[in-house]
PDB file of N, CA and C in Angstrom:
ATOM      1  N   MET A   1     123.781 151.559  55.631  1.00  0.00           N
ATOM      2  CA  MET A   1     124.700 152.534  55.063  1.00  0.00           C
ATOM      3  C   MET A   1     124.478 153.880  55.735  1.00  0.00           C
ATOM      4  N   ASN A   2     125.529 154.607  55.971  1.00  0.00           N
ATOM      5  CA  ASN A   2     125.461 155.873  56.689  1.00  0.00           C
ATOM      6  C   ASN A   2     125.222 157.020  55.703  1.00  0.00           C
ATOM      7  N   VAL A   3     124.335 157.935  56.046  1.00  0.00           N
ATOM      8  CA  VAL A   3     123.997 159.064  55.170  1.00  0.00           C
ATOM      9  C   VAL A   3     125.194 159.993  54.995  1.00  0.00           C
ATOM     10  N   ILE A   4     126.041 160.052  55.983  1.00  0.00           N
ATOM     11  CA  ILE A   4     127.194 160.954  55.935  1.00  0.00           C
ATOM     12  C   ILE A   4     128.161 160.539  54.829  1.00  0.00           C
ATOM     13  N   ASN A   5     128.231 159.247  54.560  1.00  0.00           N
ATOM     14  CA  ASN A   5     129.184 158.739  53.580  1.00  0.00           C
ATOM     15  C   ASN A   5     128.681 158.840  52.143  1.00  0.00           C
ATOM     16  N   LEU A   6     127.432 159.281  51.937  1.00  0.00           N
ATOM     17  CA  LEU A   6     126.868 159.374  50.593  1.00  0.00           C
ATOM     18  C   LEU A   6     127.368 160.614  49.864  1.00  0.00           C
ATOM     19  N   SER A   7     127.466 160.488  48.549  1.00  0.00           N
ATOM     20  CA  SER A   7     127.864 161.643  47.735  1.00  0.00           C
ATOM     21  C   SER A   7     126.637 162.514  47.501  1.00  0.00           C
ATOM     22  N   PRO A   8     126.840 163.764  47.076  1.00  0.00           N
ATOM     23  CA  PRO A   8     125.677 164.636  46.802  1.00  0.00           C
ATOM     24  C   PRO A   8     124.750 164.053  45.741  1.00  0.00           C
ATOM     25  N   LYS A   9     125.317 163.386  44.749  1.00  0.00           N
ATOM     26  CA  LYS A   9     124.507 162.788  43.689  1.00  0.00           C
ATOM     27  C   LYS A   9     123.610 161.684  44.271  1.00  0.00           C
ATOM     28  N   GLN A  10     124.175 160.871  45.172  1.00  0.00           N
ATOM     29  CA  GLN A  10     123.408 159.794  45.802  1.00  0.00           C
ATOM     30  C   GLN A  10     122.314 160.363  46.707  1.00  0.00           C
ATOM     31  N   LEU A  11     122.616 161.468  47.393  1.00  0.00           N
ATOM     32  CA  LEU A  11     121.619 162.097  48.254  1.00  0.00           C
ATOM     33  C   LEU A  11     120.436 162.623  47.448  1.00  0.00           C
ATOM     34  N   ARG A  12     120.737 163.253  46.300  1.00  0.00           N
ATOM     35  CA  ARG A  12     119.656 163.771  45.454  1.00  0.00           C
ATOM     36  C   ARG A  12     118.789 162.625  44.936  1.00  0.00           C
ATOM     37  N   ARG A  13     119.438 161.536  44.554  1.00  0.00           N
ATOM     38  CA  ARG A  13     118.729 160.370  44.046  1.00  0.00           C
ATOM     39  C   ARG A  13     117.821 159.778  45.139  1.00  0.00           C
ATOM     40  N   ALA A  14     118.344 159.701  46.371  1.00  0.00           N
ATOM     41  CA  ALA A  14     117.556 159.174  47.482  1.00  0.00           C
ATOM     42  C   ALA A  14     116.356 160.072  47.773  1.00  0.00           C
ATOM     43  N   ALA A  15     116.566 161.398  47.696  1.00  0.00           N
ATOM     44  CA  ALA A  15     115.470 162.341  47.938  1.00  0.00           C
ATOM     45  C   ALA A  15     114.395 162.190  46.864  1.00  0.00           C
ATOM     46  N   ASN A  16     114.795 161.999  45.613  1.00  0.00           N
ATOM     47  CA  ASN A  16     113.822 161.811  44.529  1.00  0.00           C
ATOM     48  C   ASN A  16     113.008 160.540  44.741  1.00  0.00           C
ATOM     49  N   ILE A  17     113.685 159.474  45.154  1.00  0.00           N
ATOM     50  CA  ILE A  17     112.987 158.218  45.395  1.00  0.00           C
ATOM     51  C   ILE A  17     111.997 158.374  46.553  1.00  0.00           C
ATOM     52  N   GLN A  18     112.412 159.104  47.586  1.00  0.00           N
ATOM     53  CA  GLN A  18     111.529 159.327  48.731  1.00  0.00           C
ATOM     54  C   GLN A  18     110.294 160.130  48.311  1.00  0.00           C
ATOM     55  N   ASP A  19     110.475 161.136  47.437  1.00  0.00           N
ATOM     56  CA  ASP A  19     109.339 161.915  46.938  1.00  0.00           C
ATOM     57  C   ASP A  19     108.384 161.027  46.141  1.00  0.00           C
ATOM     58  N   LYS A  20     108.942 160.115  45.303  1.00  0.00           N
ATOM     59  CA  LYS A  20     108.098 159.209  44.522  1.00  0.00           C
ATOM     60  C   LYS A  20     107.293 158.297  45.442  1.00  0.00           C
ATOM     61  N   ILE A  21     107.945 157.809  46.498  1.00  0.00           N
ATOM     62  CA  ILE A  21     107.253 156.936  47.458  1.00  0.00           C
ATOM     63  C   ILE A  21     106.096 157.683  48.118  1.00  0.00           C
ATOM     64  N   ALA A  22     106.328 158.927  48.519  1.00  0.00           N
ATOM     65  CA  ALA A  22     105.276 159.721  49.149  1.00  0.00           C
ATOM     66  C   ALA A  22     104.112 159.933  48.188  1.00  0.00           C
ATOM     67  N   GLY A  23     104.424 160.212  46.927  1.00  0.00           N
ATOM     68  CA  GLY A  23     103.372 160.405  45.926  1.00  0.00           C
ATOM     69  C   GLY A  23     102.565 159.143  45.694  1.00  0.00           C
ATOM     70  N   LEU A  24     103.270 158.006  45.639  1.00  0.00           N
ATOM     71  CA  LEU A  24     102.586 156.737  45.433  1.00  0.00           C
ATOM     72  C   LEU A  24     101.699 156.382  46.634  1.00  0.00           C
ATOM     73  N   GLN A  25     102.155 156.672  47.815  1.00  0.00           N
ATOM     74  CA  GLN A  25     101.344 156.410  49.007  1.00  0.00           C
ATOM     75  C   GLN A  25     100.078 157.259  48.999  1.00  0.00           C
ATOM     76  N   LYS A  26     100.220 158.497  48.543  1.00  0.00           N
ATOM     77  CA  LYS A  26      99.058 159.381  48.477  1.00  0.00           C
ATOM     78  C   LYS A  26      98.045 158.845  47.465  1.00  0.00           C
ATOM     79  N   LYS A  27      98.539 158.390  46.300  1.00  0.00           N
ATOM     80  CA  LYS A  27      97.651 157.834  45.283  1.00  0.00           C
ATOM     81  C   LYS A  27      96.959 156.575  45.800  1.00  0.00           C
ATOM     82  N   LEU A  28      97.711 155.735  46.511  1.00  0.00           N
ATOM     83  CA  LEU A  28      97.148 154.499  47.049  1.00  0.00           C
ATOM     84  C   LEU A  28      96.039 154.800  48.046  1.00  0.00           C
ATOM     85  N   SER A  29      96.249 155.796  48.900  1.00  0.00           N
ATOM     86  CA  SER A  29      95.210 156.138  49.877  1.00  0.00           C
ATOM     87  C   SER A  29      93.978 156.699  49.187  1.00  0.00           C
ATOM     88  N   GLN A  30      94.156 157.416  48.068  1.00  0.00           N
ATOM     89  CA  GLN A  30      93.009 157.931  47.321  1.00  0.00           C
ATOM     90  C   GLN A  30      92.222 156.786  46.684  1.00  0.00           C
ATOM     91  N   ILE A  31      92.969 155.800  46.158  1.00  0.00           N
ATOM     92  CA  ILE A  31      92.315 154.655  45.522  1.00  0.00           C
ATOM     93  C   ILE A  31      91.520 153.852  46.549  1.00  0.00           C
ATOM     94  N   LEU A  32      92.114 153.662  47.721  1.00  0.00           N
ATOM     95  CA  LEU A  32      91.466 152.863  48.759  1.00  0.00           C
ATOM     96  C   LEU A  32      90.365 153.617  49.479  1.00  0.00           C
ATOM     97  N   GLY A  33      90.232 154.910  49.201  1.00  0.00           N
ATOM     98  CA  GLY A  33      89.138 155.691  49.762  1.00  0.00           C
ATOM     99  C   GLY A  33      89.460 156.370  51.075  1.00  0.00           C
ATOM    100  N   ALA A  34      90.697 156.328  51.502  1.00  0.00           N
ATOM    101  CA  ALA A  34      91.069 157.006  52.746  1.00  0.00           C
ATOM    102  C   ALA A  34      91.257 158.484  52.453  1.00  0.00           C
ATOM    103  N   SER A  35      90.776 159.314  53.354  1.00  0.00           N
ATOM    104  CA  SER A  35      90.927 160.757  53.159  1.00  0.00           C
ATOM    105  C   SER A  35      92.273 161.213  53.701  1.00  0.00           C
ATOM    106  N   ASP A  36      92.701 162.390  53.304  1.00  0.00           N
ATOM    107  CA  ASP A  36      93.959 162.954  53.794  1.00  0.00           C
ATOM    108  C   ASP A  36      93.914 163.223  55.287  1.00  0.00           C
ATOM    109  N   GLU A  37      92.692 163.460  55.798  1.00  0.00           N
ATOM    110  CA  GLU A  37      92.547 163.772  57.209  1.00  0.00           C
ATOM    111  C   GLU A  37      92.806 162.547  58.086  1.00  0.00           C
ATOM    112  N   ALA A  38      92.651 161.348  57.501  1.00  0.00           N
ATOM    113  CA  ALA A  38      92.855 160.131  58.272  1.00  0.00           C
ATOM    114  C   ALA A  38      94.346 159.891  58.546  1.00  0.00           C
ATOM    115  N   ALA A  39      95.191 160.466  57.726  1.00  0.00           N
ATOM    116  CA  ALA A  39      96.630 160.293  57.919  1.00  0.00           C
ATOM    117  C   ALA A  39      97.062 161.009  59.193  1.00  0.00           C
ATOM    118  N   PRO A  40      97.968 160.410  59.954  1.00  0.00           N
ATOM    119  CA  PRO A  40      98.414 161.066  61.191  1.00  0.00           C
ATOM    120  C   PRO A  40      99.164 162.354  60.891  1.00  0.00           C
ATOM    121  N   LYS A  41      98.841 163.368  61.648  1.00  0.00           N
ATOM    122  CA  LYS A  41      99.481 164.667  61.444  1.00  0.00           C
ATOM    123  C   LYS A  41     100.461 164.925  62.567  1.00  0.00           C
ATOM    124  N   ARG A  42     101.510 165.582  62.214  1.00  0.00           N
ATOM    125  CA  ARG A  42     102.465 165.979  63.248  1.00  0.00           C
ATOM    126  C   ARG A  42     101.917 167.215  63.933  1.00  0.00           C
ATOM    127  N   ARG A  43     102.119 167.258  65.208  1.00  0.00           N
ATOM    128  CA  ARG A  43     101.699 168.456  65.921  1.00  0.00           C
ATOM    129  C   ARG A  43     102.809 168.865  66.867  1.00  0.00           C
ATOM    130  N   GLY A  44     102.784 170.101  67.231  1.00  0.00           N
ATOM    131  CA  GLY A  44     103.832 170.637  68.085  1.00  0.00           C
ATOM    132  C   GLY A  44     103.684 170.170  69.515  1.00  0.00           C
ATOM    133  N   PRO A  45     104.494 170.716  70.376  1.00  0.00           N
ATOM    134  CA  PRO A  45     104.407 170.315  71.778  1.00  0.00           C
ATOM    135  C   PRO A  45     103.057 170.703  72.375  1.00  0.00           C
ATOM    136  N   ARG A  46     102.576 169.880  73.272  1.00  0.00           N
ATOM    137  CA  ARG A  46     101.285 170.178  73.897  1.00  0.00           C
ATOM    138  C   ARG A  46     101.422 171.377  74.807  1.00  0.00           C
ATOM    139  N   LYS A  47     100.402 172.176  74.820  1.00  0.00           N
ATOM    140  CA  LYS A  47     100.434 173.371  75.664  1.00  0.00           C
ATOM    141  C   LYS A  47      99.452 173.191  76.809  1.00  0.00           C
ATOM    142  N   MET A  48      99.889 173.616  77.967  1.00  0.00           N
ATOM    143  CA  MET A  48      99.065 173.471  79.161  1.00  0.00           C
ATOM    144  C   MET A  48      98.533 174.847  79.556  1.00  0.00           C
ATOM    145  N   SER A  49      97.299 174.881  79.974  1.00  0.00           N
ATOM    146  CA  SER A  49      96.721 176.162  80.380  1.00  0.00           C
ATOM    147  C   SER A  49      97.337 176.614  81.706  1.00  0.00           C
ATOM    148  N   ALA A  50      97.241 177.901  81.963  1.00  0.00           N
ATOM    149  CA  ALA A  50      97.798 178.464  83.196  1.00  0.00           C
ATOM    150  C   ALA A  50      97.096 177.879  84.420  1.00  0.00           C
ATOM    151  N   SER A  51      95.790 177.640  84.304  1.00  0.00           N
ATOM    152  CA  SER A  51      95.062 177.090  85.455  1.00  0.00           C
ATOM    153  C   SER A  51      95.505 175.649  85.738  1.00  0.00           C
ATOM    154  N   ALA A  52      95.783 174.883  84.690  1.00  0.00           N
ATOM    155  CA  ALA A  52      96.252 173.506  84.888  1.00  0.00           C
ATOM    156  C   ALA A  52      97.625 173.502  85.549  1.00  0.00           C
ATOM    157  N   LYS A  53      98.502 174.410  85.093  1.00  0.00           N
ATOM    158  CA  LYS A  53      99.835 174.520  85.700  1.00  0.00           C
ATOM    159  C   LYS A  53      99.719 174.893  87.178  1.00  0.00           C
ATOM    160  N   ALA A  54      98.799 175.815  87.476  1.00  0.00           N
ATOM    161  CA  ALA A  54      98.613 176.248  88.861  1.00  0.00           C
ATOM    162  C   ALA A  54      98.110 175.099  89.728  1.00  0.00           C
ATOM    163  N   LYS A  55      97.203 174.278  89.190  1.00  0.00           N
ATOM    164  CA  LYS A  55      96.689 173.133  89.945  1.00  0.00           C
ATOM    165  C   LYS A  55      97.796 172.129  90.231  1.00  0.00           C
ATOM    166  N   ILE A  56      98.622 171.868  89.233  1.00  0.00           N
ATOM    167  CA  ILE A  56      99.726 170.916  89.413  1.00  0.00           C
ATOM    168  C   ILE A  56     100.715 171.438  90.446  1.00  0.00           C
ATOM    169  N   ALA A  57     101.042 172.728  90.358  1.00  0.00           N
ATOM    170  CA  ALA A  57     101.985 173.328  91.307  1.00  0.00           C
ATOM    171  C   ALA A  57     101.431 173.281  92.731  1.00  0.00           C
ATOM    172  N   ALA A  58     100.136 173.561  92.884  1.00  0.00           N
ATOM    173  CA  ALA A  58      99.523 173.536  94.207  1.00  0.00           C
ATOM    174  C   ALA A  58      99.539 172.116  94.782  1.00  0.00           C
ATOM    175  N   ALA A  59      99.281 171.132  93.934  1.00  0.00           N
ATOM    176  CA  ALA A  59      99.299 169.742  94.397  1.00  0.00           C
ATOM    177  C   ALA A  59     100.712 169.339  94.824  1.00  0.00           C
ATOM    178  N   ALA A  60     101.721 169.784  94.055  1.00  0.00           N
ATOM    179  CA  ALA A  60     103.112 169.462  94.405  1.00  0.00           C
ATOM    180  C   ALA A  60     103.498 170.110  95.732  1.00  0.00           C
ATOM    181  N   ARG A  61     103.094 171.375  95.915  1.00  0.00           N
ATOM    182  CA  ARG A  61     103.390 172.058  97.186  1.00  0.00           C
ATOM    183  C   ARG A  61     102.719 171.340  98.351  1.00  0.00           C
ATOM    184  N   ALA A  62     101.494 170.872  98.146  1.00  0.00           N
ATOM    185  CA  ALA A  62     100.779 170.158  99.204  1.00  0.00           C
ATOM    186  C   ALA A  62     101.483 168.845  99.547  1.00  0.00           C
ATOM    187  N   ARG A  63     101.971 168.142  98.501  1.00  0.00           N
ATOM    188  CA  ARG A  63     102.691 166.885  98.766  1.00  0.00           C
ATOM    189  C   ARG A  63     103.951 167.142  99.572  1.00  0.00           C
ATOM    190  N   TRP A  64     104.719 168.187  99.184  1.00  0.00           N
ATOM    191  CA  TRP A  64     105.960 168.492  99.912  1.00  0.00           C
ATOM    192  C   TRP A  64     105.662 168.919 101.348  1.00  0.00           C
ATOM    193  N   ALA A  65     104.607 169.694 101.544  1.00  0.00           N
ATOM    194  CA  ALA A  65     104.250 170.121 102.903  1.00  0.00           C
ATOM    195  C   ALA A  65     103.893 168.914 103.754  1.00  0.00           C
ATOM    196  N   LYS A  66     103.199 167.949 103.148  1.00  0.00           N
ATOM    197  CA  LYS A  66     102.824 166.742 103.874  1.00  0.00           C
ATOM    198  C   LYS A  66     104.069 165.946 104.269  1.00  0.00           C
ATOM    199  N   VAL A  67     105.014 165.839 103.342  1.00  0.00           N
ATOM    200  CA  VAL A  67     106.249 165.091 103.617  1.00  0.00           C
ATOM    201  C   VAL A  67     107.068 165.787 104.684  1.00  0.00           C
ATOM    202  N   LYS A  68     107.223 167.095 104.545  1.00  0.00           N
ATOM    203  CA  LYS A  68     108.042 167.843 105.502  1.00  0.00           C
ATOM    204  C   LYS A  68     107.380 167.917 106.871  1.00  0.00           C
ATOM    205  N   GLY A  69     106.074 168.012 106.901  1.00  0.00           N
ATOM    206  CA  GLY A  69     105.356 168.104 108.164  1.00  0.00           C
ATOM    207  C   GLY A  69     105.316 166.778 108.901  1.00  0.00           C
ATOM    208  N   ALA A  70     105.476 165.683 108.179  1.00  0.00           N
ATOM    209  CA  ALA A  70     105.388 164.363 108.798  1.00  0.00           C
ATOM    210  C   ALA A  70     106.664 163.995 109.553  1.00  0.00           C
ATOM    211  N   LYS A  71     107.722 164.730 109.314  1.00  0.00           N
ATOM    212  CA  LYS A  71     108.975 164.411 109.990  1.00  0.00           C
ATOM    213  C   LYS A  71     108.847 164.709 111.483  1.00  0.00           C
ATOM    214  N   VAL A  72     109.224 163.766 112.271  1.00  0.00           N
ATOM    215  CA  VAL A  72     109.155 163.908 113.718  1.00  0.00           C
ATOM    216  C   VAL A  72     110.580 164.021 114.228  1.00  0.00           C
ATOM    217  N   LYS A  73     110.794 164.968 115.129  1.00  0.00           N
ATOM    218  CA  LYS A  73     112.135 165.121 115.692  1.00  0.00           C
ATOM    219  C   LYS A  73     112.455 163.908 116.542  1.00  0.00           C
ATOM    220  N   LYS A  74     113.681 163.429 116.382  1.00  0.00           N
ATOM    221  CA  LYS A  74     114.107 162.284 117.176  1.00  0.00           C
ATOM    222  C   LYS A  74     114.356 162.741 118.603  1.00  0.00           C
ATOM    223  N   ALA A  75     114.013 161.895 119.531  1.00  0.00           N
ATOM    224  CA  ALA A  75     114.230 162.216 120.941  1.00  0.00           C
ATOM    225  C   ALA A  75     115.729 162.198 121.222  1.00  0.00           C
ATOM    226  N   LYS A  76     116.159 163.116 122.060  1.00  0.00           N
ATOM    227  CA  LYS A  76     117.574 163.149 122.427  1.00  0.00           C
ATOM    228  C   LYS A  76     117.907 161.899 123.218  1.00  0.00           C
ATOM    229  N   ARG A  77     119.070 161.358 122.907  1.00  0.00           N
ATOM    230  CA  ARG A  77     119.493 160.167 123.637  1.00  0.00           C
ATOM    231  C   ARG A  77     120.053 160.596 124.990  1.00  0.00           C
ATOM    232  N   LYS A  78     119.637 159.903 125.992  1.00  0.00           N
ATOM    233  CA  LYS A  78     120.102 160.254 127.334  1.00  0.00           C
ATOM    234  C   LYS A  78     121.001 159.134 127.852  1.00  0.00           C
ATOM    235  N   MET A  79     122.056 159.568 128.523  1.00  0.00           N
ATOM    236  CA  MET A  79     122.999 158.610 129.065  1.00  0.00           C
ATOM    237  C   MET A  79     122.648 158.340 130.524  1.00  0.00           C
ATOM    238  N   SER A  80     122.766 157.082 130.871  1.00  0.00           N
ATOM    239  CA  SER A  80     122.472 156.744 132.267  1.00  0.00           C
ATOM    240  C   SER A  80     123.606 157.252 133.158  1.00  0.00           C
ATOM    241  N   ALA A  81     123.323 157.427 134.427  1.00  0.00           N
ATOM    242  CA  ALA A  81     124.335 157.902 135.378  1.00  0.00           C
ATOM    243  C   ALA A  81     125.483 156.898 135.470  1.00  0.00           C
ATOM    244  N   ALA A  82     125.170 155.620 135.418  1.00  0.00           N
ATOM    245  CA  ALA A  82     126.218 154.589 135.510  1.00  0.00           C
ATOM    246  C   ALA A  82     127.134 154.647 134.287  1.00  0.00           C
ATOM    247  N   GLY A  83     126.558 154.839 133.112  1.00  0.00           N
ATOM    248  CA  GLY A  83     127.358 154.935 131.887  1.00  0.00           C
ATOM    249  C   GLY A  83     128.273 156.139 131.926  1.00  0.00           C
ATOM    250  N   ARG A  84     127.722 157.258 132.363  1.00  0.00           N
ATOM    251  CA  ARG A  84     128.537 158.487 132.480  1.00  0.00           C
ATOM    252  C   ARG A  84     129.683 158.268 133.472  1.00  0.00           C
ATOM    253  N   ALA A  85     129.416 157.607 134.580  1.00  0.00           N
ATOM    254  CA  ALA A  85     130.450 157.347 135.592  1.00  0.00           C
ATOM    255  C   ALA A  85     131.561 156.475 135.018  1.00  0.00           C
ATOM    256  N   ARG A  86     131.208 155.466 134.184  1.00  0.00           N
ATOM    257  CA  ARG A  86     132.222 154.609 133.564  1.00  0.00           C
ATOM    258  C   ARG A  86     133.110 155.406 132.621  1.00  0.00           C
ATOM    259  N   ILE A  87     132.505 156.295 131.832  1.00  0.00           N
ATOM    260  CA  ILE A  87     133.280 157.121 130.899  1.00  0.00           C
ATOM    261  C   ILE A  87     134.228 158.034 131.665  1.00  0.00           C
ATOM    262  N   ILE A  88     133.746 158.652 132.724  1.00  0.00           N
ATOM    263  CA  ILE A  88     134.584 159.552 133.536  1.00  0.00           C
ATOM    264  C   ILE A  88     135.751 158.786 134.140  1.00  0.00           C
ATOM    265  N   ALA A  89     135.483 157.599 134.661  1.00  0.00           N
ATOM    266  CA  ALA A  89     136.545 156.788 135.277  1.00  0.00           C
ATOM    267  C   ALA A  89     137.593 156.393 134.234  1.00  0.00           C
ATOM    268  N   ALA A  90     137.155 156.025 133.032  1.00  0.00           N
ATOM    269  CA  ALA A  90     138.086 155.639 131.974  1.00  0.00           C
ATOM    270  C   ALA A  90     138.942 156.828 131.554  1.00  0.00           C
ATOM    271  N   GLN A  91     138.326 157.989 131.458  1.00  0.00           N
ATOM    272  CA  GLN A  91     139.061 159.200 131.062  1.00  0.00           C
ATOM    273  C   GLN A  91     140.101 159.569 132.126  1.00  0.00           C
ATOM    274  N   LYS A  92     139.730 159.466 133.397  1.00  0.00           N
ATOM    275  CA  LYS A  92     140.667 159.773 134.484  1.00  0.00           C
ATOM    276  C   LYS A  92     141.850 158.811 134.448  1.00  0.00           C
ATOM    277  N   ALA A  93     141.582 157.539 134.142  1.00  0.00           N
ATOM    278  CA  ALA A  93     142.653 156.540 134.056  1.00  0.00           C
ATOM    279  C   ALA A  93     143.609 156.873 132.908  1.00  0.00           C
ATOM    280  N   ARG A  94     143.049 157.300 131.770  1.00  0.00           N
ATOM    281  CA  ARG A  94     143.896 157.681 130.621  1.00  0.00           C
ATOM    282  C   ARG A  94     144.804 158.851 130.980  1.00  0.00           C
ATOM    283  N   TRP A  95     144.224 159.873 131.613  1.00  0.00           N
ATOM    284  CA  TRP A  95     145.027 161.038 131.982  1.00  0.00           C
ATOM    285  C   TRP A  95     146.095 160.678 133.021  1.00  0.00           C
ATOM    286  N   ALA A  96     145.756 159.774 133.898  1.00  0.00           N
ATOM    287  CA  ALA A  96     146.737 159.328 134.883  1.00  0.00           C
ATOM    288  C   ALA A  96     147.927 158.662 134.184  1.00  0.00           C
ATOM    289  N   LYS A  97     147.673 157.861 133.145  1.00  0.00           N
ATOM    290  CA  LYS A  97     148.744 157.223 132.375  1.00  0.00           C
ATOM    291  C   LYS A  97     149.598 158.265 131.687  1.00  0.00           C
ATOM    292  N   VAL A  98     148.962 159.282 131.095  1.00  0.00           N
ATOM    293  CA  VAL A  98     149.703 160.336 130.392  1.00  0.00           C
ATOM    294  C   VAL A  98     150.599 161.084 131.370  1.00  0.00           C
ATOM    295  N   LYS A  99     150.067 161.446 132.532  1.00  0.00           N
ATOM    296  CA  LYS A  99     150.859 162.182 133.540  1.00  0.00           C
ATOM    297  C   LYS A  99     151.998 161.326 134.067  1.00  0.00           C
ATOM    298  N   ALA A 100     151.757 160.006 134.236  1.00  0.00           N
ATOM    299  CA  ALA A 100     152.815 159.098 134.715  1.00  0.00           C
ATOM    300  C   ALA A 100     153.917 158.971 133.664  1.00  0.00           C
ATOM    301  N   ALA A 101     153.529 158.968 132.399  1.00  0.00           N
ATOM    302  CA  ALA A 101     154.513 158.846 131.322  1.00  0.00           C
ATOM    303  C   ALA A 101     155.385 160.099 131.247  1.00  0.00           C
ATOM    304  N   LYS A 102     154.813 161.270 131.541  1.00  0.00           N
ATOM    305  CA  LYS A 102     155.572 162.521 131.514  1.00  0.00           C
ATOM    306  C   LYS A 102     156.604 162.577 132.655  1.00  0.00           C
ATOM    307  N   LYS A 103     156.241 162.034 133.803  1.00  0.00           N
ATOM    308  CA  LYS A 103     157.148 162.059 134.970  1.00  0.00           C
ATOM    309  C   LYS A 103     158.319 161.094 134.762  1.00  0.00           C
ATOM    310  N   ALA A 104     158.085 160.026 134.040  1.00  0.00           N
ATOM    311  CA  ALA A 104     159.146 159.022 133.879  1.00  0.00           C
ATOM    312  C   ALA A 104     160.187 159.414 132.847  1.00  0.00           C
TER     313      ALA A 104
END
């Protein structure tokens, strides 16, 4: 059942029942000999010291420097003289076709 669909009277009744349950649990723990300190306590967000934050930041910077420094520049690709000659010949042939088409 959805809490949104409950009437105010039903909500108050549910809250009262929840309070009774909490009281009964407390009595049961007293009977069984468990102390209040044994019950888990809620605590806020954990806080980190400034020195711990600085150590973490320094380690992260070192990791990034290692990654960035490890990159090796790729060697430039060089074209052979024969390959360049083939490209030049093909380009000259294309231009010859274009010029022939213009004259016709």
